[in-house]
N, C-alpha and C. Protein backbone atom coordinates (compact mmCIF):
# COMPACT_ATOMS: atom_id res chain seq x y z
N MET A 1 0.48 -0.90 -0.04
CA MET A 1 -0.27 0.06 0.27
C MET A 1 0.69 1.23 0.00
N HIS A 2 2.01 1.67 0.75
CA HIS A 2 2.95 1.74 0.63
C HIS A 2 4.20 2.33 0.65
N THR A 3 5.02 2.91 0.12
CA THR A 3 6.62 3.05 -0.35
C THR A 3 7.68 3.30 0.79
N ASP A 4 8.59 2.60 0.70
CA ASP A 4 9.70 3.06 1.86
C ASP A 4 9.35 4.57 1.59
N LYS A 5 10.01 5.65 0.76
CA LYS A 5 10.16 7.01 0.43
C LYS A 5 8.86 7.50 1.06
N THR A 6 7.56 7.34 1.43
CA THR A 6 6.36 7.84 1.84
C THR A 6 6.40 7.51 3.53
N SER A 7 6.10 8.63 3.66
CA SER A 7 6.80 8.44 5.54
C SER A 7 4.68 8.18 5.40
N ILE A 8 4.25 7.71 6.66
CA ILE A 8 2.61 6.87 6.83
C ILE A 8 1.97 7.99 7.58
N THR A 9 0.65 8.56 6.54
CA THR A 9 0.43 10.01 7.75
C THR A 9 -0.69 8.88 7.99
N HIS A 10 -1.40 9.88 9.13
CA HIS A 10 -2.95 10.34 9.07
C HIS A 10 -3.64 9.34 10.03
N ALA A 11 -3.72 10.12 7.69
CA ALA A 11 -4.86 9.44 6.83
C ALA A 11 -4.10 8.06 6.19
N ILE A 12 -2.81 7.43 5.72
CA ILE A 12 -2.82 6.49 5.57
C ILE A 12 -3.57 5.57 6.27
N ARG A 13 -2.80 6.21 7.49
CA ARG A 13 -2.77 4.84 9.23
C ARG A 13 -4.37 4.62 8.71
N GLU A 14 -5.01 5.67 9.01
CA GLU A 14 -6.83 5.73 9.22
C GLU A 14 -7.20 4.93 8.41
N LEU A 15 -7.12 4.72 6.19
CA LEU A 15 -7.36 3.38 5.75
C LEU A 15 -7.00 2.41 5.44
N THR A 16 -5.90 2.26 6.28
CA THR A 16 -5.18 0.95 6.16
C THR A 16 -5.52 -0.08 7.86
N GLU A 17 -6.33 0.91 8.80
CA GLU A 17 -6.61 0.07 9.53
C GLU A 17 -8.18 0.20 9.82
N LYS A 18 -8.90 0.75 8.46
CA LYS A 18 -10.32 0.49 8.13
C LYS A 18 -10.41 -0.50 6.68
N GLY A 19 -9.67 -0.59 6.87
CA GLY A 19 -9.64 -1.98 5.98
C GLY A 19 -9.84 -0.80 3.85
N ALA A 20 -9.15 -0.18 4.06
CA ALA A 20 -10.07 0.49 2.53
C ALA A 20 -8.23 -0.10 1.06
N ASP A 21 -9.42 -0.33 0.42
CA ASP A 21 -8.49 -0.16 -1.29
C ASP A 21 -8.35 0.81 -1.51
N PHE A 22 -6.93 0.96 -1.23
CA PHE A 22 -6.20 2.41 -2.15
C PHE A 22 -4.77 2.40 -2.25
N THR A 23 -4.60 2.67 -3.09
CA THR A 23 -3.26 3.25 -3.97
C THR A 23 -2.68 4.15 -3.94
N LEU A 24 -1.53 4.77 -3.44
CA LEU A 24 -1.05 6.26 -3.35
C LEU A 24 -0.23 6.57 -4.63
N ARG A 25 -0.92 7.69 -4.43
CA ARG A 25 0.15 7.90 -6.07
C ARG A 25 0.58 9.17 -5.79
N SER A 26 1.37 9.69 -5.81
CA SER A 26 2.27 11.54 -5.78
C SER A 26 2.77 11.60 -6.70
N TYR A 27 3.17 12.95 -6.91
CA TYR A 27 3.18 13.99 -8.32
C TYR A 27 3.95 15.05 -6.93
N LYS A 28 4.59 16.08 -7.83
CA LYS A 28 5.11 16.88 -8.16
C LYS A 28 4.75 18.22 -7.62
N TYR A 29 4.62 18.81 -6.22
CA TYR A 29 3.65 19.28 -5.47
C TYR A 29 4.22 20.49 -6.05
N GLU A 30 3.40 21.58 -6.78
CA GLU A 30 3.11 23.09 -7.12
C GLU A 30 2.46 23.76 -5.93
N GLU A 31 2.83 24.66 -5.23
CA GLU A 31 2.37 25.90 -3.65
C GLU A 31 1.73 26.88 -5.21
N LYS A 32 0.08 26.79 -4.31
CA LYS A 32 -0.66 26.82 -5.19
C LYS A 32 -1.10 27.07 -6.17
N GLY A 33 -1.48 25.47 -7.13
CA GLY A 33 -1.95 24.67 -8.37
C GLY A 33 -2.87 24.11 -8.02
N GLY A 34 -3.52 23.57 -6.50
CA GLY A 34 -4.31 22.82 -6.62
C GLY A 34 -4.60 21.82 -7.49
N THR A 35 -5.97 21.47 -7.54
CA THR A 35 -6.51 20.66 -8.14
C THR A 35 -5.74 19.99 -9.48
N GLY A 36 -5.64 21.24 -10.70
CA GLY A 36 -5.34 21.30 -11.28
C GLY A 36 -3.61 20.94 -11.61
N VAL A 37 -3.06 21.03 -10.91
CA VAL A 37 -1.94 19.79 -10.87
C VAL A 37 -1.94 18.68 -10.76
N ALA A 38 -2.52 18.87 -9.47
CA ALA A 38 -2.65 16.77 -9.28
C ALA A 38 -3.55 16.07 -10.22
N SER A 39 -4.20 16.74 -11.43
CA SER A 39 -5.25 16.13 -12.30
C SER A 39 -3.64 16.23 -13.34
N ARG A 40 -2.96 17.23 -14.05
CA ARG A 40 -2.22 17.57 -14.87
C ARG A 40 -1.19 16.04 -14.81
N GLU A 41 -0.26 16.22 -13.66
CA GLU A 41 0.70 15.93 -12.85
C GLU A 41 0.38 13.78 -13.02
N LEU A 42 -0.45 13.60 -12.80
CA LEU A 42 -1.24 12.38 -12.62
C LEU A 42 -2.37 12.24 -14.01
N GLY A 43 -2.25 12.70 -14.82
CA GLY A 43 -3.45 12.49 -16.26
C GLY A 43 -5.30 11.76 -16.02
N VAL A 44 -5.02 12.79 -14.53
CA VAL A 44 -6.77 12.33 -14.45
C VAL A 44 -7.92 12.92 -14.91
N ASP A 45 -8.56 12.79 -14.73
CA ASP A 45 -9.71 14.27 -15.07
C ASP A 45 -9.49 14.76 -13.78
N GLU A 46 -10.31 16.53 -13.70
CA GLU A 46 -9.47 17.12 -12.74
C GLU A 46 -10.92 16.98 -12.32
N TYR A 47 -12.09 17.15 -12.16
CA TYR A 47 -13.17 16.40 -11.63
C TYR A 47 -13.71 15.36 -11.07
N MET A 48 -12.24 14.19 -10.90
CA MET A 48 -12.15 13.06 -10.33
C MET A 48 -11.26 13.30 -9.57
N VAL A 49 -10.42 14.48 -9.16
CA VAL A 49 -9.31 15.02 -7.89
C VAL A 49 -10.58 16.16 -6.80
N ILE A 50 -10.67 15.42 -5.69
CA ILE A 50 -11.34 15.81 -4.88
C ILE A 50 -10.57 16.89 -3.84
N LYS A 51 -11.56 18.07 -3.85
CA LYS A 51 -10.46 18.94 -2.32
C LYS A 51 -11.34 18.56 -1.25
N THR A 52 -9.96 18.96 -0.19
CA THR A 52 -11.11 18.95 1.25
C THR A 52 -10.71 20.34 1.19
N LEU A 53 -11.76 20.38 1.44
CA LEU A 53 -11.99 22.27 2.04
C LEU A 53 -12.39 21.91 3.82
N VAL A 54 -11.88 22.51 4.44
CA VAL A 54 -12.29 23.18 6.37
C VAL A 54 -12.32 24.17 6.36
N MET A 55 -13.85 24.34 6.76
CA MET A 55 -14.74 25.00 7.05
C MET A 55 -15.50 25.62 7.83
N GLU A 56 -15.72 26.62 7.99
CA GLU A 56 -16.72 27.21 9.80
C GLU A 56 -18.06 27.89 9.26
N ASP A 57 -18.79 27.89 10.23
CA ASP A 57 -20.06 28.13 10.49
C ASP A 57 -19.75 29.84 11.49
N ASP A 58 -21.34 30.30 10.89
CA ASP A 58 -20.81 31.73 11.43
C ASP A 58 -20.50 31.48 13.32
N GLN A 59 -20.69 30.91 13.93
CA GLN A 59 -20.47 29.71 15.12
C GLN A 59 -19.23 29.69 16.04
N GLY A 60 -18.59 29.52 14.34
CA GLY A 60 -16.87 29.30 14.07
C GLY A 60 -17.26 27.47 14.73
N ARG A 61 -17.72 26.91 14.31
CA ARG A 61 -17.98 25.36 14.02
C ARG A 61 -17.33 24.75 12.71
N PRO A 62 -15.95 24.07 12.95
CA PRO A 62 -15.60 23.35 11.48
C PRO A 62 -16.41 21.82 11.36
N PHE A 63 -15.73 22.57 9.96
CA PHE A 63 -16.34 20.52 9.68
C PHE A 63 -16.07 20.70 8.44
N ILE A 64 -15.73 19.59 7.05
CA ILE A 64 -15.46 19.67 6.35
C ILE A 64 -16.32 19.78 5.07
N ILE A 65 -15.45 19.59 3.79
CA ILE A 65 -16.80 19.72 2.18
C ILE A 65 -15.66 19.31 1.69
N LEU A 66 -16.52 17.81 1.01
CA LEU A 66 -14.95 18.24 0.20
C LEU A 66 -15.64 18.32 -2.29
N MET A 67 -15.11 18.03 -2.62
CA MET A 67 -15.63 19.03 -3.53
C MET A 67 -14.60 18.22 -4.75
N HIS A 68 -15.49 18.06 -5.75
CA HIS A 68 -14.94 17.80 -7.30
C HIS A 68 -13.79 19.11 -7.18
N GLY A 69 -12.63 18.19 -7.50
CA GLY A 69 -11.63 19.31 -8.09
C GLY A 69 -11.27 20.75 -9.14
N ASN A 70 -12.25 20.09 -10.20
CA ASN A 70 -12.81 22.35 -11.16
C ASN A 70 -13.82 22.96 -10.89
N LYS A 71 -14.83 22.00 -9.30
CA LYS A 71 -15.78 22.54 -9.18
C LYS A 71 -15.62 24.01 -7.77
N SER A 72 -16.30 24.50 -7.13
CA SER A 72 -16.14 25.65 -6.18
C SER A 72 -17.92 25.49 -5.59
N VAL A 73 -17.45 25.82 -5.04
CA VAL A 73 -18.78 25.74 -2.90
C VAL A 73 -19.43 26.86 -3.06
N SER A 74 -20.25 26.85 -3.04
CA SER A 74 -21.39 27.23 -3.02
C SER A 74 -21.84 27.58 -2.10
N THR A 75 -21.08 28.68 -1.37
CA THR A 75 -21.98 29.07 0.69
C THR A 75 -22.64 29.23 1.00
N LYS A 76 -23.34 30.41 0.31
CA LYS A 76 -24.85 30.74 0.16
C LYS A 76 -25.68 29.10 0.21
N ASN A 77 -25.35 28.10 -0.53
CA ASN A 77 -26.19 26.88 -0.62
C ASN A 77 -25.88 26.60 0.88
N LEU A 78 -24.80 26.23 0.55
CA LEU A 78 -24.25 24.97 2.76
C LEU A 78 -24.66 25.85 3.45
N ALA A 79 -24.37 26.86 3.71
CA ALA A 79 -25.36 27.59 4.97
C ALA A 79 -26.82 26.90 5.14
N ARG A 80 -27.50 27.19 3.96
CA ARG A 80 -28.88 27.31 4.13
C ARG A 80 -28.92 25.93 4.54
N LEU A 81 -28.42 24.78 3.59
CA LEU A 81 -28.25 23.00 4.24
C LEU A 81 -27.74 23.02 5.10
N ARG A 82 -26.47 23.17 5.96
CA ARG A 82 -26.52 23.45 7.75
C ARG A 82 -27.44 24.51 8.28
N LYS A 83 -28.15 25.11 8.11
CA LYS A 83 -28.94 25.52 8.45
C LYS A 83 -28.73 26.59 9.44
N VAL A 84 -27.39 27.37 9.63
CA VAL A 84 -26.32 28.10 10.04
C VAL A 84 -26.26 30.44 9.12
N LYS A 85 -26.50 30.78 9.50
CA LYS A 85 -26.57 32.25 8.50
C LYS A 85 -24.88 32.15 7.45
N SER A 86 -23.82 31.36 8.24
CA SER A 86 -23.59 31.62 6.71
C SER A 86 -22.29 30.76 6.87
N VAL A 87 -21.35 30.28 6.04
CA VAL A 87 -20.04 29.47 6.16
C VAL A 87 -18.80 30.38 5.07
N LYS A 88 -17.83 30.01 5.58
CA LYS A 88 -16.58 30.11 5.03
C LYS A 88 -15.52 29.85 5.05
N PRO A 89 -14.09 29.51 4.28
CA PRO A 89 -13.58 28.56 4.43
C PRO A 89 -12.45 29.31 6.29
N CYS A 90 -11.98 28.85 6.18
CA CYS A 90 -11.13 28.86 7.27
C CYS A 90 -9.94 29.28 7.61
N GLU A 91 -9.36 29.64 8.10
CA GLU A 91 -8.26 30.71 8.01
C GLU A 91 -6.82 29.12 7.90
N PRO A 92 -6.39 29.36 7.30
CA PRO A 92 -4.82 28.04 6.89
C PRO A 92 -4.92 27.60 8.31
N GLU A 93 -4.76 28.57 9.66
CA GLU A 93 -3.79 28.06 10.65
C GLU A 93 -4.88 27.27 11.58
N ASP A 94 -6.48 27.51 11.38
CA ASP A 94 -7.09 27.27 11.81
C ASP A 94 -7.35 25.46 11.36
N ALA A 95 -7.22 25.17 10.36
CA ALA A 95 -7.56 24.47 9.68
C ALA A 95 -6.29 23.28 10.39
N HIS A 96 -5.40 23.86 10.27
CA HIS A 96 -4.17 23.12 10.64
C HIS A 96 -4.53 22.43 12.15
N ARG A 97 -4.93 23.33 12.63
CA ARG A 97 -5.26 23.32 14.18
C ARG A 97 -6.46 22.23 14.10
N HIS A 98 -7.21 21.94 13.34
CA HIS A 98 -8.18 21.50 13.57
C HIS A 98 -7.86 20.12 12.92
N THR A 99 -7.74 19.82 12.00
CA THR A 99 -7.31 18.59 11.17
C THR A 99 -5.61 17.94 11.51
N GLY A 100 -4.71 18.84 11.52
CA GLY A 100 -3.45 18.06 12.38
C GLY A 100 -2.96 18.25 10.41
N TYR A 101 -3.29 18.71 9.69
CA TYR A 101 -2.21 18.63 8.39
C TYR A 101 -2.06 20.17 7.55
N LEU A 102 -1.36 20.83 6.91
CA LEU A 102 -1.34 21.65 6.29
C LEU A 102 -1.93 21.94 4.71
N VAL A 103 -2.65 23.75 4.95
CA VAL A 103 -3.39 23.74 3.26
C VAL A 103 -2.19 22.83 2.51
N GLY A 104 -3.28 21.73 1.62
CA GLY A 104 -2.41 21.72 0.66
C GLY A 104 -2.43 19.91 0.75
N GLY A 105 -2.35 19.53 2.12
CA GLY A 105 -1.49 18.16 2.15
C GLY A 105 -3.37 17.62 3.17
N THR A 106 -3.82 18.81 3.18
CA THR A 106 -4.92 18.10 3.62
C THR A 106 -6.01 17.49 4.42
N SER A 107 -6.65 15.63 4.14
CA SER A 107 -7.05 15.00 3.96
C SER A 107 -8.54 14.88 4.58
N PRO A 108 -9.22 14.30 4.32
CA PRO A 108 -10.33 14.04 5.53
C PRO A 108 -10.89 12.70 7.07
N PHE A 109 -9.39 11.82 5.81
CA PHE A 109 -9.11 10.82 6.47
C PHE A 109 -7.66 11.62 7.85
N GLY A 110 -8.10 10.82 8.87
CA GLY A 110 -7.55 10.95 9.61
C GLY A 110 -7.12 12.45 10.85
N THR A 111 -7.48 12.71 11.07
CA THR A 111 -8.32 14.40 11.08
C THR A 111 -8.18 14.29 12.70
N ARG A 112 -7.23 15.37 13.55
CA ARG A 112 -7.07 15.08 15.10
C ARG A 112 -8.39 15.24 14.81
N LYS A 113 -9.13 15.73 15.30
CA LYS A 113 -10.25 15.57 15.52
C LYS A 113 -11.59 15.25 15.13
N PRO A 114 -12.79 14.13 15.11
CA PRO A 114 -14.01 14.25 14.21
C PRO A 114 -14.37 15.35 13.87
N LEU A 115 -13.91 15.27 12.34
CA LEU A 115 -15.24 16.59 12.31
C LEU A 115 -16.38 16.30 11.47
N PRO A 116 -17.72 17.27 11.39
CA PRO A 116 -18.47 17.16 10.43
C PRO A 116 -18.23 16.83 9.14
N VAL A 117 -18.12 15.33 8.12
CA VAL A 117 -18.03 15.86 6.46
C VAL A 117 -19.02 16.12 5.69
N TYR A 118 -19.86 16.40 4.68
CA TYR A 118 -20.37 17.12 3.59
C TYR A 118 -18.94 16.56 2.77
N ILE A 119 -20.29 15.83 1.42
CA ILE A 119 -18.88 15.23 0.30
C ILE A 119 -20.76 16.27 -1.34
N GLU A 120 -20.02 16.74 -1.70
CA GLU A 120 -20.33 16.58 -3.05
C GLU A 120 -21.45 15.19 -3.49
N ALA A 121 -22.46 15.09 -4.00
CA ALA A 121 -23.02 14.17 -3.88
C ALA A 121 -22.71 13.22 -5.49
N SER A 122 -22.30 13.77 -6.37
CA SER A 122 -22.31 13.26 -7.94
C SER A 122 -20.70 12.60 -7.50
N ILE A 123 -20.63 12.90 -6.25
CA ILE A 123 -19.06 12.54 -6.28
C ILE A 123 -18.69 11.35 -6.00
N LEU A 124 -19.67 10.16 -5.37
CA LEU A 124 -19.98 8.79 -4.56
C LEU A 124 -20.64 8.11 -5.90
N ASP A 125 -20.48 9.35 -7.72
CA ASP A 125 -20.94 8.21 -8.33
C ASP A 125 -19.83 8.21 -9.08
N LEU A 126 -18.83 8.25 -8.75
CA LEU A 126 -18.13 8.02 -10.11
C LEU A 126 -17.42 6.85 -9.49
N PRO A 127 -15.89 6.64 -10.77
CA PRO A 127 -16.04 4.61 -10.38
C PRO A 127 -14.50 4.86 -9.50
N LYS A 128 -13.84 6.10 -9.36
CA LYS A 128 -13.01 6.55 -8.72
C LYS A 128 -12.34 8.00 -8.17
N ILE A 129 -11.91 7.89 -7.43
CA ILE A 129 -11.53 9.60 -6.94
C ILE A 129 -9.87 9.27 -6.22
N TYR A 130 -9.35 10.50 -6.70
CA TYR A 130 -8.42 10.58 -5.95
C TYR A 130 -8.44 11.72 -4.79
N ILE A 131 -7.74 11.35 -3.92
CA ILE A 131 -7.82 12.60 -2.91
C ILE A 131 -6.99 12.56 -1.83
N ASN A 132 -6.77 13.44 -1.30
CA ASN A 132 -5.17 13.73 -0.39
C ASN A 132 -5.31 12.67 0.79
N ALA A 133 -3.79 12.59 1.01
CA ALA A 133 -3.72 11.26 1.30
C ALA A 133 -2.47 11.93 2.80
N GLY A 134 -3.29 12.66 3.71
CA GLY A 134 -2.08 13.39 4.24
C GLY A 134 -0.83 14.34 3.49
N LYS A 135 -0.74 14.08 3.14
CA LYS A 135 1.12 15.27 2.58
C LYS A 135 0.76 16.58 1.22
N LYS A 136 1.06 17.07 1.32
CA LYS A 136 1.55 17.86 -0.06
C LYS A 136 1.76 16.77 -1.34
N GLY A 137 1.49 16.50 -2.48
CA GLY A 137 1.78 16.30 -3.78
C GLY A 137 1.54 14.07 -3.50
N LEU A 138 0.64 13.80 -2.11
CA LEU A 138 0.57 12.37 -2.37
C LEU A 138 -1.29 12.68 -1.92
N LEU A 139 -1.87 11.83 -3.50
CA LEU A 139 -3.09 11.38 -2.99
C LEU A 139 -3.33 10.06 -2.69
N ALA A 140 -4.47 9.17 -2.74
CA ALA A 140 -5.24 7.95 -2.31
C ALA A 140 -5.63 7.88 -4.01
N GLU A 141 -5.69 7.07 -4.36
CA GLU A 141 -6.49 6.77 -5.14
C GLU A 141 -7.26 5.45 -4.59
N MET A 142 -9.09 6.07 -5.02
CA MET A 142 -9.24 4.48 -4.30
C MET A 142 -10.86 4.70 -4.52
N SER A 143 -12.06 3.69 -4.00
CA SER A 143 -13.32 3.94 -4.77
C SER A 143 -13.83 4.95 -3.68
N PRO A 144 -15.34 5.49 -4.35
CA PRO A 144 -15.72 6.92 -3.79
C PRO A 144 -16.69 5.64 -2.37
N ALA A 145 -17.05 5.04 -2.90
CA ALA A 145 -17.85 3.69 -1.66
C ALA A 145 -17.39 3.13 -0.41
N ASP A 146 -15.66 2.65 -0.84
CA ASP A 146 -14.74 3.16 0.68
C ASP A 146 -14.67 3.97 1.25
N LEU A 147 -14.61 5.12 0.27
CA LEU A 147 -14.96 7.39 1.74
C LEU A 147 -15.91 6.72 2.26
N ARG A 148 -17.25 7.06 1.72
CA ARG A 148 -17.98 6.46 2.02
C ARG A 148 -18.30 5.88 4.28
N LYS A 149 -17.71 4.71 3.01
CA LYS A 149 -18.09 3.36 4.72
C LYS A 149 -17.22 4.55 5.38
N ILE A 150 -15.79 4.84 5.05
CA ILE A 150 -15.62 5.16 6.66
C ILE A 150 -16.03 7.37 7.20
N LEU A 151 -15.92 7.36 5.95
CA LEU A 151 -16.23 8.92 7.26
C LEU A 151 -18.14 9.10 6.83
N ASN A 152 -19.13 8.61 6.52
CA ASN A 152 -19.77 8.75 6.35
C ASN A 152 -20.95 9.97 6.20
N PRO A 153 -20.04 10.01 4.95
CA PRO A 153 -20.74 11.44 4.64
C PRO A 153 -21.49 12.57 4.85
N THR A 154 -22.33 13.76 4.25
CA THR A 154 -23.59 14.03 4.25
C THR A 154 -24.19 14.74 2.52
N PRO A 155 -23.80 13.52 1.88
CA PRO A 155 -23.57 14.00 0.47
C PRO A 155 -25.05 15.69 0.78
N VAL A 156 -25.02 15.92 -0.27
CA VAL A 156 -25.28 17.58 -0.81
C VAL A 156 -25.25 17.88 -2.06
N ASN A 157 -25.68 18.97 -2.13
CA ASN A 157 -25.43 19.45 -3.50
C ASN A 157 -25.24 20.98 -3.75
N VAL A 158 -24.20 21.16 -3.60
CA VAL A 158 -23.57 22.82 -3.28
C VAL A 158 -22.44 23.27 -4.53
N ALA A 159 -22.02 22.41 -5.57
CA ALA A 159 -21.64 22.61 -6.16
C ALA A 159 -21.59 23.78 -7.08
N ILE A 160 -21.12 25.09 -7.72
CA ILE A 160 -21.01 25.00 -8.76
C ILE A 160 -19.90 25.81 -9.67
């Protein structure tokens, strides 16, 4: 599942412990390159590269939203679904404090503390996804079914 070159992240540990079938895919990370770089470097559709976004509501309660790499989140629709006034991305240091991961290497697996996870519903229909494995330039290629089994995310339709 992993190579000696790759340090075991909390995400890899959780995926392994929960019996997920995954393959680690590493690529040359570019600062602020986002999912477009991962898509290009791995030769996969950016729609299948899933970004892990750490957000908070107007009460400062953190949560994760998983979104297609080439889509954005409608924070207005997400706030409505969560029945709060507003949601916004966490500041990088807050996201790190909540998850234990640095921005660019944030995974929904193995977070420092359990956070509610929302997922764009259409992600669950993909044959496979590429999602961060806990460090910059490292993705886990896996089935959405395994992600669902481990995280039990709440499906939403908030893509724009």
